[in-house]
C-alpha atoms as a PDB file:
ATOM      1  CA  MET A   1       0.153   0.169   0.007  1.00  0.00           C
ATOM      2  CA  ARG A   2       3.122   2.469   0.962  1.00  0.00           C
ATOM      3  CA  THR A   3       4.708   1.861  -2.327  1.00  0.00           C
ATOM      4  CA  ILE A   4       1.171   2.394  -4.452  1.00  0.00           C
ATOM      5  CA  ILE A   5       0.837   5.962  -2.147  1.00  0.00           C
ATOM      6  CA  LEU A   6       4.765   6.432  -3.061  1.00  0.00           C
ATOM      7  CA  SER A   7       4.477   6.086  -6.795  1.00  0.00           C
ATOM      8  CA  SER A   8       1.040   8.033  -6.934  1.00  0.00           C
ATOM      9  CA  LEU A   9       3.035  10.689  -5.601  1.00  0.00           C
ATOM     10  CA  PHE A  10       6.020  10.280  -7.605  1.00  0.00           C
ATOM     11  CA  LEU A  11       3.256  10.448 -10.723  1.00  0.00           C
ATOM     12  CA  ILE A  12       1.479  13.209  -9.754  1.00  0.00           C
ATOM     13  CA  ILE A  13       4.818  15.371  -9.072  1.00  0.00           C
ATOM     14  CA  SER A  14       6.726  14.844 -12.331  1.00  0.00           C
ATOM     15  CA  THR A  15       3.474  15.069 -14.258  1.00  0.00           C
ATOM     16  CA  PHE A  16       3.502  18.772 -12.651  1.00  0.00           C
ATOM     17  CA  VAL A  17       6.992  19.302 -12.745  1.00  0.00           C
ATOM     18  CA  TYR A  18       6.616  18.389 -16.481  1.00  0.00           C
ATOM     19  CA  GLU A  19       3.579  21.179 -16.846  1.00  0.00           C
ATOM     20  CA  GLU A  20       5.732  23.380 -15.242  1.00  0.00           C
ATOM     21  CA  LYS A  21       8.675  23.051 -17.806  1.00  0.00           C
ATOM     22  CA  ALA A  22       5.939  23.147 -20.633  1.00  0.00           C
ATOM     23  CA  VAL A  23       4.413  26.693 -19.278  1.00  0.00           C
ATOM     24  CA  ALA A  24       8.062  28.134 -19.010  1.00  0.00           C
ATOM     25  CA  ASN A  25       8.830  26.796 -22.404  1.00  0.00           C
ATOM     26  CA  GLU A  26       5.559  28.726 -23.793  1.00  0.00           C
ATOM     27  CA  GLY A  27       3.634  25.991 -24.248  1.00  0.00           C
ATOM     28  CA  ARG A  28       6.742  23.571 -26.218  1.00  0.00           C
ATOM     29  CA  THR A  29       7.522  20.702 -24.600  1.00  0.00           C
ATOM     30  CA  VAL A  30      10.962  19.003 -23.526  1.00  0.00           C
ATOM     31  CA  ARG A  31      10.974  17.105 -26.424  1.00  0.00           C
ATOM     32  CA  ASP A  32      10.124  20.047 -28.568  1.00  0.00           C
ATOM     33  CA  ASP A  33      13.153  21.666 -26.825  1.00  0.00           C
ATOM     34  CA  VAL A  34      15.467  19.026 -27.924  1.00  0.00           C
ATOM     35  CA  ILE A  35      14.278  19.202 -31.822  1.00  0.00           C
ATOM     36  CA  THR A  36      14.496  22.783 -31.866  1.00  0.00           C
ATOM     37  CA  SER A  37      17.842  23.115 -30.169  1.00  0.00           C
ATOM     38  CA  GLU A  38      19.178  20.791 -32.578  1.00  0.00           C
ATOM     39  CA  GLN A  39      18.425  22.744 -35.494  1.00  0.00           C
ATOM     40  CA  PRO A  40      21.548  25.366 -36.551  1.00  0.00           C
ATOM     41  CA  LEU A  41      20.520  29.237 -35.560  1.00  0.00           C
ATOM     42  CA  LYS A  42      20.587  32.109 -37.611  1.00  0.00           C
ATOM     43  CA  SER A  43      23.600  34.114 -36.717  1.00  0.00           C
ATOM     44  CA  GLU A  44      23.141  37.393 -37.537  1.00  0.00           C
ATOM     45  CA  PRO A  45      26.362  39.967 -38.867  1.00  0.00           C
ATOM     46  CA  LYS A  46      28.178  40.980 -35.821  1.00  0.00           C
ATOM     47  CA  THR A  47      29.365  44.525 -36.149  1.00  0.00           C
ATOM     48  CA  ALA A  48      32.018  45.595 -34.129  1.00  0.00           C
ATOM     49  CA  PRO A  49      32.855  49.458 -33.625  1.00  0.00           C
ATOM     50  CA  ILE A  50      36.229  50.436 -35.505  1.00  0.00           C
ATOM     51  CA  VAL A  51      39.205  51.817 -34.091  1.00  0.00           C
ATOM     52  CA  ARG A  52      39.866  55.047 -35.815  1.00  0.00           C
ATOM     53  CA  ALA A  53      43.339  56.393 -36.229  1.00  0.00           C
ATOM     54  CA  GLY A  54      42.944  59.161 -34.332  1.00  0.00           C
ATOM     55  CA  ASP A  55      41.248  57.379 -31.659  1.00  0.00           C
ATOM     56  CA  ILE A  56      44.429  55.700 -30.582  1.00  0.00           C
ATOM     57  CA  TYR A  57      46.497  58.664 -31.548  1.00  0.00           C
ATOM     58  CA  ALA A  58      44.475  59.910 -28.847  1.00  0.00           C
ATOM     59  CA  SER A  59      45.129  57.827 -26.081  1.00  0.00           C
ATOM     60  CA  CYS A  60      49.090  57.719 -26.982  1.00  0.00           C
ATOM     61  CA  GLN A  61      49.581  61.381 -27.628  1.00  0.00           C
ATOM     62  CA  HIS A  62      50.662  62.089 -24.174  1.00  0.00           C
ATOM     63  CA  HIS A  63      53.257  58.967 -24.406  1.00  0.00           C
ATOM     64  CA  PHE A  64      56.317  60.494 -24.108  1.00  0.00           C
ATOM     65  CA  GLU A  65      55.262  63.246 -21.393  1.00  0.00           C
ATOM     66  CA  ASN A  66      55.107  62.741 -17.595  1.00  0.00           C
ATOM     67  CA  VAL A  67      51.207  63.034 -17.169  1.00  0.00           C
ATOM     68  CA  PHE A  68      50.411  59.844 -16.014  1.00  0.00           C
ATOM     69  CA  ASN A  69      49.658  60.057 -13.022  1.00  0.00           C
ATOM     70  CA  THR A  70      45.830  59.800 -12.832  1.00  0.00           C
ATOM     71  CA  THR A  71      44.429  56.314 -13.303  1.00  0.00           C
ATOM     72  CA  GLU A  72      42.794  57.376 -16.613  1.00  0.00           C
ATOM     73  CA  ASN A  73      45.924  58.274 -18.114  1.00  0.00           C
ATOM     74  CA  ILE A  74      47.829  55.371 -16.761  1.00  0.00           C
ATOM     75  CA  ALA A  75      44.683  53.374 -18.723  1.00  0.00           C
ATOM     76  CA  LYS A  76      45.375  55.480 -21.848  1.00  0.00           C
ATOM     77  CA  ARG A  77      49.127  54.715 -21.670  1.00  0.00           C
ATOM     78  CA  ALA A  78      48.381  50.386 -20.806  1.00  0.00           C
ATOM     79  CA  SER A  79      45.922  50.713 -24.109  1.00  0.00           C
ATOM     80  CA  CYS A  80      48.740  52.617 -25.718  1.00  0.00           C
ATOM     81  CA  ASN A  81      51.782  50.052 -25.795  1.00  0.00           C
ATOM     82  CA  GLY A  82      49.199  47.079 -25.507  1.00  0.00           C
ATOM     83  CA  TYR A  83      48.180  48.288 -28.843  1.00  0.00           C
ATOM     84  CA  PHE A  84      51.340  48.765 -30.556  1.00  0.00           C
ATOM     85  CA  PHE A  85      52.703  45.556 -29.051  1.00  0.00           C
ATOM     86  CA  GLY A  86      50.146  43.664 -30.675  1.00  0.00           C
ATOM     87  CA  ILE A  87      50.547  45.251 -34.111  1.00  0.00           C
ATOM     88  CA  GLY A  88      54.248  45.182 -34.096  1.00  0.00           C
ATOM     89  CA  GLY A  89      54.168  41.632 -32.768  1.00  0.00           C
ATOM     90  CA  ILE A  90      52.077  40.597 -35.430  1.00  0.00           C
ATOM     91  CA  LEU A  91      53.866  41.995 -38.275  1.00  0.00           C
ATOM     92  CA  ILE A  92      57.673  40.553 -36.572  1.00  0.00           C
ATOM     93  CA  ILE A  93      55.914  37.008 -36.863  1.00  0.00           C
ATOM     94  CA  LEU A  94      54.449  37.323 -40.416  1.00  0.00           C
ATOM     95  CA  GLN A  95      58.167  38.869 -41.423  1.00  0.00           C
ATOM     96  CA  SER A  96      60.223  35.750 -40.072  1.00  0.00           C
ATOM     97  CA  GLU A  97      57.565  33.932 -41.805  1.00  0.00           C
ATOM     98  CA  LYS A  98      58.634  35.429 -45.005  1.00  0.00           C
ATOM     99  CA  ALA A  99      54.672  36.895 -45.523  1.00  0.00           C
ATOM    100  CA  ASN A 100      55.165  40.011 -47.722  1.00  0.00           C
ATOM    101  CA  THR A 101      53.974  42.664 -45.482  1.00  0.00           C
ATOM    102  CA  LYS A 102      56.061  45.220 -47.022  1.00  0.00           C
ATOM    103  CA  THR A 103      57.965  46.172 -44.524  1.00  0.00           C
ATOM    104  CA  CYS A 104      61.371  45.349 -42.686  1.00  0.00           C
ATOM    105  CA  ILE A 105      60.887  46.124 -38.818  1.00  0.00           C
ATOM    106  CA  PRO A 106      63.703  44.994 -36.339  1.00  0.00           C
ATOM    107  CA  GLU A 107      62.449  42.400 -34.471  1.00  0.00           C
ATOM    108  CA  ASP A 108      64.106  43.971 -31.219  1.00  0.00           C
ATOM    109  CA  ILE A 109      61.804  47.076 -31.727  1.00  0.00           C
ATOM    110  CA  SER A 110      59.985  48.292 -28.518  1.00  0.00           C
ATOM    111  CA  ALA A 111      56.293  48.836 -27.981  1.00  0.00           C
ATOM    112  CA  HIS A 112      57.377  52.629 -26.854  1.00  0.00           C
ATOM    113  CA  ASP A 113      59.751  52.922 -30.814  1.00  0.00           C
ATOM    114  CA  LEU A 114      55.951  51.652 -32.729  1.00  0.00           C
ATOM    115  CA  ALA A 115      54.469  54.797 -30.642  1.00  0.00           C
ATOM    116  CA  LYS A 116      56.691  56.993 -31.366  1.00  0.00           C
ATOM    117  CA  VAL A 117      56.904  55.757 -34.983  1.00  0.00           C
ATOM    118  CA  PHE A 118      52.746  56.356 -35.235  1.00  0.00           C
ATOM    119  CA  LEU A 119      52.980  59.651 -33.572  1.00  0.00           C
ATOM    120  CA  GLU A 120      55.364  60.829 -35.631  1.00  0.00           C
ATOM    121  CA  TRP A 121      53.549  59.887 -38.910  1.00  0.00           C
ATOM    122  CA  THR A 122      50.588  61.557 -37.337  1.00  0.00           C
ATOM    123  CA  LYS A 123      51.787  64.604 -36.964  1.00  0.00           C
ATOM    124  CA  ASN A 124      51.902  65.131 -40.940  1.00  0.00           C
ATOM    125  CA  PRO A 125      48.538  66.833 -42.080  1.00  0.00           C
ATOM    126  CA  LYS A 126      48.775  65.100 -44.931  1.00  0.00           C
ATOM    127  CA  ASN A 127      47.909  61.734 -43.145  1.00  0.00           C
ATOM    128  CA  ASP A 128      44.427  60.820 -43.095  1.00  0.00           C
ATOM    129  CA  LEU A 129      43.498  60.176 -39.028  1.00  0.00           C
ATOM    130  CA  ASN A 130      40.121  58.865 -39.911  1.00  0.00           C
ATOM    131  CA  ILE A 131      41.097  55.505 -41.140  1.00  0.00           C
ATOM    132  CA  SER A 132      41.023  52.396 -39.099  1.00  0.00           C
ATOM    133  CA  ALA A 133      43.959  52.240 -36.607  1.00  0.00           C
ATOM    134  CA  PRO A 134      45.468  49.305 -37.396  1.00  0.00           C
ATOM    135  CA  GLU A 135      45.746  50.274 -41.584  1.00  0.00           C
ATOM    136  CA  ALA A 136      47.074  53.858 -40.408  1.00  0.00           C
ATOM    137  CA  THR A 137      49.728  52.482 -38.317  1.00  0.00           C
ATOM    138  CA  ILE A 138      50.765  49.703 -41.162  1.00  0.00           C
ATOM    139  CA  MET A 139      51.344  52.667 -43.196  1.00  0.00           C
ATOM    140  CA  ALA A 140      53.240  54.437 -40.918  1.00  0.00           C
ATOM    141  CA  LEU A 141      55.436  51.576 -40.272  1.00  0.00           C
ATOM    142  CA  ARG A 142      56.071  51.062 -43.887  1.00  0.00           C
ATOM    143  CA  GLU A 143      57.215  54.204 -44.328  1.00  0.00           C
ATOM    144  CA  LYS A 144      59.249  54.339 -41.633  1.00  0.00           C
ATOM    145  CA  TYR A 145      60.702  50.685 -41.960  1.00  0.00           C
ATOM    146  CA  LYS A 146      61.053  50.444 -45.637  1.00  0.00           C
ATOM    147  CA  CYS A 147      62.596  47.011 -47.140  1.00  0.00           C
ATOM    148  CA  ASP A 148      65.073  47.779 -49.422  1.00  0.00           C
END
């Protein structure tokens, strides 16, 4: 008798839980969820904001001045160093793999030196700061470190 009561109670509880899941899933059953999860989802194209050369210039313009005493300026310096470390590192790796980068960047160059090249390039009024930052950086490095 006790087994029958427990079995009935289990059946009632499991039915209640199943119905709650169906209500939570807006009328779909658990099996419907399994079927729909196996179907590929339509992906929407993701667009990231483009970082312009002017944005990097704004972060790095005080790179060589001793004004990095505030949290904001320290963060700007860190983003500046990280950016040039990344771009320079990738170009140096590509050069070492004999890729045609059209640059001959010294392998021992520092992020500080790369930032200096970029900042010098931005001072020329004929250079456009509205292009993407990687494109501007590569253009600056190609001007400075041309291959002979």
